[in-house]
C-alpha atoms as a PDB file:
ATOM      1  CA  MET A   1      10.946  16.276  -3.079  1.00  0.00           C
ATOM      2  CA  GLY A   2      10.393  17.242   0.797  1.00  0.00           C
ATOM      3  CA  HIS A   3      10.754  15.167   3.646  1.00  0.00           C
ATOM      4  CA  LEU A   4       8.001  12.347   3.903  1.00  0.00           C
ATOM      5  CA  PRO A   5       6.862  10.950   7.571  1.00  0.00           C
ATOM      6  CA  PRO A   6       7.727   7.208   8.245  1.00  0.00           C
ATOM      7  CA  LEU A   7       5.544   4.678   6.914  1.00  0.00           C
ATOM      8  CA  LYS A   8       1.978   4.072   8.138  1.00  0.00           C
ATOM      9  CA  PHE A   9       1.650   0.434   8.103  1.00  0.00           C
ATOM     10  CA  SER A  10       3.783  -2.473   8.129  1.00  0.00           C
ATOM     11  CA  LEU A  11       4.703  -5.677   6.539  1.00  0.00           C
ATOM     12  CA  ASN A  12       2.102  -8.240   7.274  1.00  0.00           C
ATOM     13  CA  ASP A  13      -0.471  -5.974   8.312  1.00  0.00           C
ATOM     14  CA  SER A  14      -4.050  -6.289   7.152  1.00  0.00           C
ATOM     15  CA  VAL A  15      -5.642  -3.645   5.465  1.00  0.00           C
ATOM     16  CA  GLN A  16      -8.025  -2.523   3.487  1.00  0.00           C
ATOM     17  CA  PHE A  17      -7.452  -0.502   0.363  1.00  0.00           C
ATOM     18  CA  ARG A  18      -8.812   1.355  -2.812  1.00  0.00           C
ATOM     19  CA  ILE A  19      -7.919  -0.257  -6.325  1.00  0.00           C
ATOM     20  CA  ALA A  20     -10.410   1.799  -9.074  1.00  0.00           C
ATOM     21  CA  ASN A  21     -13.814   1.751  -7.601  1.00  0.00           C
ATOM     22  CA  ASP A  22     -13.262  -1.597  -5.796  1.00  0.00           C
ATOM     23  CA  ILE A  23     -12.340  -1.776  -2.015  1.00  0.00           C
ATOM     24  CA  LEU A  24      -9.979  -4.725  -1.297  1.00  0.00           C
ATOM     25  CA  THR A  25      -8.527  -6.638   1.729  1.00  0.00           C
ATOM     26  CA  GLY A  26      -5.187  -7.964   1.615  1.00  0.00           C
ATOM     27  CA  VAL A  27      -2.137  -8.241   3.492  1.00  0.00           C
ATOM     28  CA  ILE A  28       0.813  -6.030   2.579  1.00  0.00           C
ATOM     29  CA  GLU A  29       4.113  -8.101   1.326  1.00  0.00           C
ATOM     30  CA  PHE A  30       6.180  -5.436   0.723  1.00  0.00           C
ATOM     31  CA  ALA A  31       6.479  -1.891   1.727  1.00  0.00           C
ATOM     32  CA  ASP A  32       8.253   0.643  -0.611  1.00  0.00           C
ATOM     33  CA  PHE A  33       9.854   4.091   0.646  1.00  0.00           C
ATOM     34  CA  ALA A  34       9.564   6.642  -1.877  1.00  0.00           C
ATOM     35  CA  HIS A  35      12.618   7.517  -2.768  1.00  0.00           C
ATOM     36  CA  SER A  36      12.141   9.376  -6.060  1.00  0.00           C
ATOM     37  CA  PRO A  37      11.853  12.913  -7.203  1.00  0.00           C
ATOM     38  CA  ARG A  38       8.825  11.936  -9.830  1.00  0.00           C
ATOM     39  CA  ARG A  39       7.170  10.116  -6.593  1.00  0.00           C
ATOM     40  CA  ALA A  40       6.157  11.768  -3.523  1.00  0.00           C
ATOM     41  CA  TYR A  41       4.611   8.708  -1.520  1.00  0.00           C
ATOM     42  CA  HIS A  42       5.126   5.632  -0.146  1.00  0.00           C
ATOM     43  CA  SER A  43       3.232   2.635  -1.656  1.00  0.00           C
ATOM     44  CA  TYR A  44       2.808  -1.154  -0.932  1.00  0.00           C
ATOM     45  CA  SER A  45       2.405  -4.635  -2.341  1.00  0.00           C
ATOM     46  CA  ILE A  46      -0.772  -6.200  -1.139  1.00  0.00           C
ATOM     47  CA  PHE A  47      -1.641  -9.783  -1.710  1.00  0.00           C
ATOM     48  CA  VAL A  48      -5.317 -10.699  -1.724  1.00  0.00           C
ATOM     49  CA  GLU A  49      -6.393 -13.989  -1.072  1.00  0.00           C
ATOM     50  CA  GLU A  50      -9.215 -13.761  -2.651  1.00  0.00           C
ATOM     51  CA  ARG A  51      -8.520 -12.809  -5.672  1.00  0.00           C
ATOM     52  CA  GLY A  52      -4.824 -15.348  -5.520  1.00  0.00           C
ATOM     53  CA  CYS A  53      -2.743 -12.125  -6.433  1.00  0.00           C
ATOM     54  CA  SER A  54      -0.433  -8.986  -5.480  1.00  0.00           C
ATOM     55  CA  PHE A  55      -1.156  -5.334  -6.454  1.00  0.00           C
ATOM     56  CA  ALA A  56       1.575  -3.891  -6.510  1.00  0.00           C
ATOM     57  CA  HIS A  57       2.953  -0.184  -5.698  1.00  0.00           C
ATOM     58  CA  VAL A  58      -0.563   0.490  -4.300  1.00  0.00           C
ATOM     59  CA  PRO A  59       0.212   4.403  -2.863  1.00  0.00           C
ATOM     60  CA  GLU A  60      -0.269   4.767   1.191  1.00  0.00           C
ATOM     61  CA  TYR A  61      -3.269   7.217   0.313  1.00  0.00           C
ATOM     62  CA  ASP A  62      -5.157   4.291  -1.052  1.00  0.00           C
ATOM     63  CA  VAL A  63      -4.448   2.417   1.964  1.00  0.00           C
ATOM     64  CA  LEU A  64      -7.721   3.059   3.903  1.00  0.00           C
ATOM     65  CA  GLU A  65      -7.297   1.155   7.143  1.00  0.00           C
ATOM     66  CA  LYS A  66      -5.673  -1.650   8.975  1.00  0.00           C
ATOM     67  CA  ASN A  67      -7.945  -4.529   9.968  1.00  0.00           C
END
């Protein structure tokens, strides 16, 4: 696994992200640095208040922008 850049987003950032065909808005609760040869990307757990739940292991490439 090559070197990855730093995380693009921080804890408590409000972000828009993609899940399947939906674009949701939520707050980053947890950031996971890629540290496995099987996974060469960072991921986040994002809480979506409107749904009352968190989405775990959202790949950084599916986080579209910070609000």
